[in-house]
Amino acid sequence: MESLRQLYRIGTGPSSSHTMAPRQAALIFLERYPAAPHYRVTLFGSLAATGRGHLTDKALLDVFQTCGSKVELLWVPEEKLPLHPNGMRFESLDDSGSKLHSWEVYSVGGGALQDNDQLVSPPIIYPLTNMADILNFLDRSGESLWEYVLTYEDDSFPDFLAGVWDVMSTAIGRGLEQVGILPGGLGLGRKAHTFYRKSSLYGAHMQNNARVWAYALAVSEENASGGIIATAPTCGASGVLPAVLRYLQETLSCSRDDILRALATAGLVGNLVKKNASISGAEVGCQGEIGTACAMAAAAATQLHGGTIKQIEYAAEMGLEHHLGLTCDPVNGLVQIPCIERNAHAATRALSCCHFALLSGGEHKISFDEITLVMNETGQALPSLYRETSVGGIAQAYRQRQPD
């Protein structure tokens, strides 16, 4: 598996697949083929279907406007390139419109890119690629999951994690202060500020839930407004892990090092899903995004509570299992409805999975590896209208009740 640096990416929202990755692809293409008179970018499948709502056009145009050449964007939602629903074709053209160079590349989830030659794939640093093998290794070595991560990452990786946590914390703080309507035309108001203010008015259980929800909403609303966030594992699911970590930092008096170690363990869980299934909503639905985020947060929470590696694995398995079949059907292609609320509910579910695992000995019948494969199978079986195309489900229900 590749480094967790490829999972935790820092950038602007609202979508790692639709804004961060296309922007990076455009930068790569311009670096390879600079100074062409004319460029053409064709977006296919899910990337074309929801690209406008996800600000794909803005991300691409922001890059190409720096070169001063003419750029043309084409949207082809009804056609899919072979390797992934989020396909792009970049072309450089001469003055007569004849093609000079062409590159097909895919946004495969979490801001990652892949092409036919895998030229944009980062190096592999982890030798083991499933949870069972990692747990067997740790049973022999006596190490923790976070120690396994640090064994294979470079010496500067703790500093990288510290930077990720700083971005997450800043997004929470910024999101809690902001009020007003989110951009995009849905008229959706921010809730994090109000939730946080109201949290002190209720009993302990409600107060705790309100705080977790407020933190998750804060990050998700920042993402929806194009703020700076860290993918965990994606932009659309970026509020779950920060919310759980901030809440436990406050309630368990966790040190900064505790939080960074929890981030390492959470990242390992997300990396295993990314390697063996998918974290792309366009490929497997929202279960791959919010389900993975819940699994990551559940694992982190269980570690912070002192759980064993088997209890951590069990919590992660439950976080993914109980999101199986979750569709990706964003209203108007925006990362707002139902995405923002899902972050809040997944955060509290992650804590529930943690508590359930802690009450057990960690024994269970379906392993994390098995549920990862089931999630992938389930996602592939979902019709395309439930995989980030915004033509079915909640998006369709909303569209049908709008006036002509």
Protein backbone atom coordinates (compact mmCIF):
# COMPACT_ATOMS: atom_id res chain seq x y z
CA MET A 1 0.00 0.00 0.00
CA GLU A 2 1.02 3.60 -0.52
CA SER A 3 1.81 6.18 2.14
CA LEU A 4 -0.92 7.71 4.27
CA ARG A 5 0.22 11.01 2.81
CA GLN A 6 -1.89 9.96 -0.19
CA LEU A 7 -4.97 9.48 2.02
CA TYR A 8 -4.79 12.61 4.17
CA ARG A 9 -4.65 15.37 1.57
CA ILE A 10 -4.91 19.03 2.48
CA GLY A 11 -6.79 21.23 0.06
CA THR A 12 -9.98 23.15 -0.63
CA GLY A 13 -13.46 21.63 -0.80
CA PRO A 14 -15.99 20.68 -1.75
CA SER A 15 -14.84 17.44 -3.40
CA SER A 16 -11.58 15.52 -3.46
CA SER A 17 -12.71 13.57 -6.53
CA HIS A 18 -14.22 16.50 -8.41
CA THR A 19 -12.02 19.45 -7.51
CA MET A 20 -8.72 18.39 -5.93
CA ALA A 21 -7.92 15.55 -8.37
CA PRO A 22 -8.99 17.35 -11.60
CA ARG A 23 -6.97 20.38 -10.53
CA GLN A 24 -3.90 18.20 -10.00
CA ALA A 25 -4.46 16.44 -13.33
CA ALA A 26 -4.63 19.79 -15.11
CA LEU A 27 -1.37 20.90 -13.49
CA ILE A 28 0.33 17.67 -14.60
CA PHE A 29 -0.92 18.00 -18.18
CA LEU A 30 0.15 21.64 -18.43
CA GLU A 31 3.59 20.77 -17.09
CA ARG A 32 3.98 18.03 -19.69
CA TYR A 33 2.56 20.00 -22.61
CA PRO A 34 2.94 23.73 -21.99
CA ALA A 35 2.23 26.62 -24.32
CA ALA A 36 -0.27 24.93 -26.64
CA PRO A 37 -2.58 27.43 -28.39
CA HIS A 38 -5.69 25.53 -27.35
CA TYR A 39 -6.62 22.96 -24.69
CA ARG A 40 -9.70 20.76 -24.45
CA VAL A 41 -10.86 18.85 -21.37
CA THR A 42 -13.64 16.28 -21.67
CA LEU A 43 -15.30 15.05 -18.48
CA PHE A 44 -17.07 11.69 -18.48
CA GLY A 45 -19.54 9.73 -16.35
CA SER A 46 -20.12 10.79 -12.77
CA LEU A 47 -17.48 13.48 -13.04
CA ALA A 48 -19.52 15.15 -15.78
CA ALA A 49 -22.90 14.48 -14.14
CA THR A 50 -22.11 16.33 -10.91
CA GLY A 51 -19.05 18.33 -11.91
CA ARG A 52 -20.76 21.71 -12.02
CA GLY A 53 -22.23 21.29 -8.54
CA HIS A 54 -18.85 20.12 -7.27
CA LEU A 55 -17.04 23.09 -8.91
CA THR A 56 -14.98 20.93 -11.27
CA ASP A 57 -15.16 23.60 -13.97
CA LYS A 58 -13.83 26.25 -11.59
CA ALA A 59 -10.96 24.00 -10.48
CA LEU A 60 -9.92 23.35 -14.07
CA LEU A 61 -10.33 26.90 -15.33
CA ASP A 62 -8.33 28.27 -12.39
CA VAL A 63 -5.39 26.18 -13.60
CA PHE A 64 -5.67 26.80 -17.33
CA GLN A 65 -6.18 30.54 -17.03
CA THR A 66 -2.59 30.81 -15.80
CA CYS A 67 -1.25 29.77 -19.22
CA GLY A 68 -3.24 32.30 -21.26
CA SER A 69 -4.36 29.72 -23.83
CA LYS A 70 -7.91 29.02 -24.91
CA VAL A 71 -9.54 26.16 -22.99
CA GLU A 72 -12.71 24.26 -23.84
CA LEU A 73 -14.65 22.09 -21.38
CA LEU A 74 -16.91 19.30 -22.62
CA TRP A 75 -19.37 17.38 -20.40
CA VAL A 76 -20.29 13.81 -21.40
CA PRO A 77 -22.20 12.26 -18.47
CA GLU A 78 -23.73 9.50 -20.60
CA GLU A 79 -20.33 8.05 -21.55
CA LYS A 80 -17.90 6.27 -19.24
CA LEU A 81 -14.20 5.66 -19.86
CA PRO A 82 -13.04 2.07 -19.18
CA LEU A 83 -11.33 2.22 -15.78
CA HIS A 84 -13.54 4.36 -13.54
CA PRO A 85 -16.74 6.49 -13.60
CA ASN A 86 -14.69 9.65 -12.97
CA GLY A 87 -12.81 9.86 -16.26
CA MET A 88 -11.11 12.86 -17.89
CA ARG A 89 -9.48 13.37 -21.26
CA PHE A 90 -7.00 16.23 -21.63
CA GLU A 91 -5.99 17.34 -25.12
CA SER A 92 -3.62 19.99 -26.43
CA LEU A 93 -4.49 21.38 -29.87
CA ASP A 94 -2.72 23.48 -32.49
CA ASP A 95 -4.06 26.67 -34.08
CA SER A 96 -6.12 24.67 -36.58
CA GLY A 97 -7.72 22.54 -33.86
CA SER A 98 -5.72 19.40 -34.66
CA LYS A 99 -4.77 17.24 -31.68
CA LEU A 100 -1.16 17.45 -30.50
CA HIS A 101 -1.28 15.38 -27.32
CA SER A 102 -3.91 13.47 -25.37
CA TRP A 103 -4.07 11.99 -21.87
CA GLU A 104 -6.87 9.98 -20.25
CA VAL A 105 -6.77 9.99 -16.48
CA TYR A 106 -9.17 9.03 -13.69
CA SER A 107 -10.10 10.56 -10.36
CA VAL A 108 -10.34 7.37 -8.29
CA GLY A 109 -11.31 8.80 -4.89
CA GLY A 110 -9.84 10.92 -2.13
CA GLY A 111 -8.02 13.16 -4.59
CA ALA A 112 -5.99 10.30 -6.10
CA LEU A 113 -5.30 9.96 -9.82
CA GLN A 114 -4.74 6.92 -12.01
CA ASP A 115 -4.09 6.58 -15.73
CA ASN A 116 -3.71 3.63 -18.07
CA ASP A 117 0.01 3.43 -17.37
CA GLN A 118 -0.36 4.26 -13.66
CA LEU A 119 2.17 7.04 -14.20
CA VAL A 120 0.67 9.07 -11.38
CA SER A 121 0.68 6.22 -8.84
CA PRO A 122 2.85 6.88 -5.76
CA PRO A 123 5.36 4.32 -4.47
CA ILE A 124 4.26 1.34 -2.39
CA ILE A 125 5.66 1.37 1.15
CA TYR A 126 3.46 -1.04 3.15
CA PRO A 127 4.18 -4.75 2.51
CA LEU A 128 0.92 -6.05 4.01
CA THR A 129 -2.38 -5.19 2.37
CA ASN A 130 -5.10 -6.66 4.58
CA MET A 131 -6.03 -6.32 8.24
CA ALA A 132 -5.70 -10.02 9.07
CA ASP A 133 -2.05 -10.14 8.02
CA ILE A 134 -1.30 -6.92 9.88
CA LEU A 135 -2.92 -8.22 13.08
CA ASN A 136 -1.00 -11.50 12.84
CA PHE A 137 2.22 -9.53 12.42
CA LEU A 138 1.40 -7.35 15.43
CA ASP A 139 0.48 -10.37 17.56
CA ARG A 140 4.07 -11.55 17.07
CA SER A 141 5.78 -8.18 17.39
CA GLY A 142 3.67 -6.85 20.26
CA GLU A 143 3.33 -3.49 18.53
CA SER A 144 0.25 -1.30 18.09
CA LEU A 145 -1.37 -0.36 14.82
CA TRP A 146 0.04 3.16 14.99
CA GLU A 147 3.52 1.76 15.56
CA TYR A 148 3.12 -0.37 12.46
CA VAL A 149 2.37 2.81 10.50
CA LEU A 150 5.43 4.64 11.82
CA THR A 151 7.65 1.67 10.93
CA TYR A 152 7.04 2.22 7.22
CA GLU A 153 6.50 5.97 6.93
CA ASP A 154 9.47 8.32 6.80
CA ASP A 155 10.94 10.24 9.73
CA SER A 156 9.00 13.40 8.95
CA PHE A 157 5.64 11.62 9.03
CA PRO A 158 4.76 12.66 12.63
CA ASP A 159 5.20 16.28 11.53
CA PHE A 160 2.93 15.57 8.56
CA LEU A 161 0.25 14.17 10.89
CA ALA A 162 0.62 17.22 13.10
CA GLY A 163 -0.07 19.40 10.07
CA VAL A 164 -3.15 17.34 9.21
CA TRP A 165 -4.48 17.69 12.75
CA ASP A 166 -3.85 21.44 12.71
CA VAL A 167 -5.90 21.74 9.50
CA MET A 168 -8.70 19.65 10.98
CA SER A 169 -8.72 21.68 14.20
CA THR A 170 -8.70 24.98 12.33
CA ALA A 171 -11.60 23.84 10.17
CA ILE A 172 -13.62 23.01 13.29
CA GLY A 173 -12.87 26.36 14.87
CA ARG A 174 -13.60 28.29 11.70
CA GLY A 175 -16.80 26.36 11.04
CA LEU A 176 -18.13 26.92 14.55
CA GLU A 177 -17.84 30.68 14.09
CA GLN A 178 -19.45 30.97 10.66
CA VAL A 179 -23.15 31.64 10.10
CA GLY A 180 -25.34 32.22 7.07
CA ILE A 181 -26.25 30.36 3.89
CA LEU A 182 -23.94 27.92 2.14
CA PRO A 183 -23.16 28.69 -1.53
CA GLY A 184 -24.76 26.67 -4.31
CA GLY A 185 -28.37 27.82 -4.50
CA LEU A 186 -30.07 25.34 -2.15
CA GLY A 187 -30.60 27.97 0.53
CA LEU A 188 -29.08 25.63 3.12
CA GLY A 189 -28.11 27.41 6.31
CA ARG A 190 -25.10 26.59 8.43
CA LYS A 191 -25.97 24.71 11.66
CA ALA A 192 -22.67 24.14 13.46
CA HIS A 193 -22.67 27.48 15.31
CA THR A 194 -26.22 27.01 16.58
CA PHE A 195 -25.70 23.37 17.56
CA TYR A 196 -22.63 24.27 19.55
CA ARG A 197 -24.32 27.19 21.32
CA LYS A 198 -27.36 25.06 22.21
CA SER A 199 -25.32 22.08 23.43
CA SER A 200 -24.93 23.50 26.94
CA LEU A 201 -28.70 23.82 27.40
CA TYR A 202 -29.41 20.08 27.56
CA GLY A 203 -28.63 17.07 29.75
CA ALA A 204 -25.35 15.19 29.52
CA HIS A 205 -26.30 12.73 26.77
CA MET A 206 -27.82 15.37 24.50
CA GLN A 207 -24.98 17.76 25.28
CA ASN A 208 -22.37 15.23 24.23
CA ASN A 209 -24.15 14.37 21.00
CA ALA A 210 -24.66 18.04 20.18
CA ARG A 211 -20.96 18.75 20.58
CA VAL A 212 -19.95 15.87 18.29
CA TRP A 213 -22.55 16.93 15.73
CA ALA A 214 -21.42 20.55 15.91
CA TYR A 215 -17.80 19.61 15.25
CA ALA A 216 -18.71 17.38 12.30
CA LEU A 217 -21.06 20.00 10.86
CA ALA A 218 -18.39 22.68 11.25
CA VAL A 219 -15.88 20.84 9.07
CA SER A 220 -18.48 19.68 6.55
CA GLU A 221 -19.89 23.19 6.17
CA GLU A 222 -16.38 24.55 5.69
CA ASN A 223 -15.86 21.93 2.98
CA ALA A 224 -19.14 22.81 1.29
CA SER A 225 -18.13 26.47 1.17
CA GLY A 226 -14.74 25.73 -0.39
CA GLY A 227 -12.72 26.05 2.81
CA ILE A 228 -9.42 24.31 3.56
CA ILE A 229 -9.87 20.80 4.94
CA ALA A 230 -8.06 17.47 5.14
CA THR A 231 -9.55 14.48 3.33
CA ALA A 232 -10.45 11.68 5.74
CA PRO A 233 -10.73 9.78 3.47
CA THR A 234 -12.51 12.25 1.13
CA CYS A 235 -13.72 15.85 1.19
CA GLY A 236 -17.35 14.76 1.39
CA ALA A 237 -16.63 12.66 4.50
CA SER A 238 -14.05 15.01 6.03
CA GLY A 239 -16.07 15.94 9.12
CA VAL A 240 -16.36 12.55 10.83
CA LEU A 241 -12.83 11.87 12.08
CA PRO A 242 -12.01 15.44 13.22
CA ALA A 243 -15.27 15.58 15.19
CA VAL A 244 -14.60 12.33 17.04
CA LEU A 245 -10.96 13.24 17.75
CA ARG A 246 -11.81 16.74 19.03
CA TYR A 247 -14.59 15.39 21.25
CA LEU A 248 -12.34 12.70 22.76
CA GLN A 249 -9.45 15.13 23.14
CA GLU A 250 -11.73 17.20 25.37
CA THR A 251 -13.53 14.42 27.27
CA LEU A 252 -10.63 11.99 27.75
CA SER A 253 -7.93 14.67 28.17
CA CYS A 254 -5.95 13.15 25.30
CA SER A 255 -2.52 14.57 24.58
CA ARG A 256 -1.51 15.84 21.16
CA ASP A 257 0.62 12.74 20.69
CA ASP A 258 -2.39 10.56 21.52
CA ILE A 259 -4.36 12.28 18.77
CA LEU A 260 -1.58 11.91 16.21
CA ARG A 261 -1.26 8.20 16.98
CA ALA A 262 -5.01 7.84 16.57
CA LEU A 263 -4.73 9.61 13.22
CA ALA A 264 -2.12 7.05 12.16
CA THR A 265 -4.37 4.12 13.07
CA ALA A 266 -7.38 5.72 11.40
CA GLY A 267 -5.33 6.32 8.27
CA LEU A 268 -4.26 2.68 8.14
CA VAL A 269 -7.94 1.63 8.23
CA GLY A 270 -8.80 4.05 5.43
CA ASN A 271 -5.83 2.90 3.39
CA LEU A 272 -6.96 -0.73 3.63
CA VAL A 273 -10.40 0.18 2.29
CA LYS A 274 -8.85 2.28 -0.46
CA LYS A 275 -6.54 -0.59 -1.44
CA ASN A 276 -9.03 -3.48 -1.30
CA ALA A 277 -12.28 -1.75 -2.27
CA SER A 278 -12.86 1.95 -2.97
CA ILE A 279 -13.38 5.29 -1.23
CA SER A 280 -14.97 6.80 -4.34
CA GLY A 281 -18.66 7.67 -4.17
CA ALA A 282 -18.80 7.46 -7.96
CA GLU A 283 -17.58 3.87 -7.82
CA VAL A 284 -19.26 2.37 -4.72
CA GLY A 285 -21.68 4.97 -3.39
CA CYS A 286 -21.50 6.91 -0.14
CA GLN A 287 -20.72 3.74 1.83
CA GLY A 288 -17.19 4.03 0.46
CA GLU A 289 -16.88 7.59 1.73
CA ILE A 290 -18.90 8.04 4.90
CA GLY A 291 -18.71 4.33 5.77
CA THR A 292 -14.93 4.40 5.56
CA ALA A 293 -14.80 7.64 7.55
CA CYS A 294 -16.93 6.03 10.26
CA ALA A 295 -14.64 2.98 10.33
CA MET A 296 -11.59 5.22 10.61
CA ALA A 297 -13.09 7.25 13.44
CA ALA A 298 -14.33 4.14 15.28
CA ALA A 299 -10.83 2.65 15.16
CA ALA A 300 -9.26 5.88 16.39
CA ALA A 301 -11.78 6.22 19.21
CA THR A 302 -11.24 2.65 20.37
CA GLN A 303 -7.49 3.17 20.50
CA LEU A 304 -7.91 6.38 22.50
CA HIS A 305 -10.07 4.43 24.98
CA GLY A 306 -7.29 1.88 25.44
CA GLY A 307 -8.84 -0.88 23.32
CA THR A 308 -6.86 -3.84 22.03
CA ILE A 309 -5.95 -4.22 18.38
CA LYS A 310 -8.74 -6.79 18.03
CA GLN A 311 -11.26 -4.37 19.53
CA ILE A 312 -9.98 -1.66 17.18
CA GLU A 313 -10.48 -4.00 14.20
CA TYR A 314 -13.99 -4.88 15.42
CA ALA A 315 -14.98 -1.21 15.80
CA ALA A 316 -13.71 -0.45 12.29
CA GLU A 317 -15.60 -3.43 10.88
CA MET A 318 -18.85 -2.23 12.46
CA GLY A 319 -18.36 1.31 11.21
CA LEU A 320 -18.19 0.00 7.65
CA GLU A 321 -20.75 -2.80 8.02
CA HIS A 322 -23.55 -0.57 9.23
CA HIS A 323 -23.23 1.77 6.26
CA LEU A 324 -23.48 -0.99 3.65
CA GLY A 325 -25.63 0.01 0.69
CA LEU A 326 -25.53 3.74 1.42
CA THR A 327 -26.10 5.58 -1.85
CA CYS A 328 -24.39 8.70 -3.18
CA ASP A 329 -27.18 10.92 -4.52
CA PRO A 330 -26.27 14.55 -3.75
CA VAL A 331 -28.95 17.14 -4.44
CA ASN A 332 -27.98 19.34 -7.41
CA GLY A 333 -24.55 17.70 -7.39
CA LEU A 334 -23.58 19.73 -4.31
CA VAL A 335 -21.74 18.25 -1.33
CA GLN A 336 -24.50 19.44 1.00
CA ILE A 337 -27.70 17.34 1.04
CA PRO A 338 -27.46 14.64 2.39
CA CYS A 339 -23.67 14.80 2.78
CA ILE A 340 -23.35 17.29 5.66
CA GLU A 341 -25.84 15.57 7.99
CA ARG A 342 -24.31 12.19 7.21
CA ASN A 343 -21.00 13.38 8.62
CA ALA A 344 -22.67 14.30 11.89
CA HIS A 345 -24.54 11.02 12.26
CA ALA A 346 -21.52 8.93 11.23
CA ALA A 347 -19.47 10.61 13.96
CA THR A 348 -21.85 9.54 16.71
CA ARG A 349 -22.14 6.09 15.13
CA ALA A 350 -18.35 5.79 15.24
CA LEU A 351 -18.45 6.40 18.98
CA SER A 352 -21.22 3.82 19.34
CA CYS A 353 -19.12 1.26 17.44
CA CYS A 354 -16.20 2.06 19.74
CA HIS A 355 -18.29 1.53 22.88
CA PHE A 356 -19.78 -1.70 21.52
CA ALA A 357 -16.31 -3.06 20.72
CA LEU A 358 -14.97 -2.09 24.14
CA LEU A 359 -17.79 -3.98 25.86
CA SER A 360 -16.85 -7.07 23.87
CA GLY A 361 -13.60 -8.97 23.86
CA GLY A 362 -13.11 -8.12 20.21
CA GLU A 363 -14.44 -11.46 19.00
CA HIS A 364 -16.88 -11.37 16.08
CA LYS A 365 -17.90 -13.46 13.09
CA ILE A 366 -17.31 -11.15 10.10
CA SER A 367 -13.86 -9.65 9.78
CA PHE A 368 -12.91 -6.16 8.63
CA ASP A 369 -11.33 -7.64 5.51
CA GLU A 370 -14.51 -9.52 4.66
CA ILE A 371 -16.77 -6.51 5.17
CA THR A 372 -14.45 -4.43 2.99
CA LEU A 373 -14.90 -6.87 0.12
CA VAL A 374 -18.67 -6.98 0.74
CA MET A 375 -18.80 -3.19 0.61
CA ASN A 376 -17.01 -3.19 -2.71
CA GLU A 377 -19.32 -5.88 -4.12
CA THR A 378 -22.37 -3.98 -2.88
CA GLY A 379 -21.13 -0.76 -4.42
CA GLN A 380 -20.51 -2.34 -7.80
CA ALA A 381 -24.07 -3.71 -7.72
CA LEU A 382 -25.60 -0.27 -7.13
CA PRO A 383 -27.17 1.22 -10.26
CA SER A 384 -25.26 4.21 -11.59
CA LEU A 385 -28.05 6.60 -10.57
CA TYR A 386 -27.04 5.92 -6.94
CA ARG A 387 -23.33 6.50 -7.51
CA GLU A 388 -22.76 10.26 -7.58
CA THR A 389 -24.67 11.03 -10.74
CA SER A 390 -27.50 12.93 -8.99
CA VAL A 391 -30.14 11.38 -11.26
CA GLY A 392 -31.80 9.15 -8.65
CA GLY A 393 -32.61 8.84 -4.97
CA ILE A 394 -32.71 11.98 -2.84
CA ALA A 395 -31.49 14.14 -5.72
CA GLN A 396 -34.39 12.98 -7.88
CA ALA A 397 -36.94 13.43 -5.07
CA TYR A 398 -35.78 17.01 -4.56
CA ARG A 399 -35.80 17.75 -8.28
CA GLN A 400 -39.33 16.43 -8.75
CA ARG A 401 -40.84 18.83 -6.25
CA GLN A 402 -39.17 21.92 -7.69
CA PRO A 403 -41.35 24.24 -9.83
CA ASP A 404 -40.75 24.14 -13.58
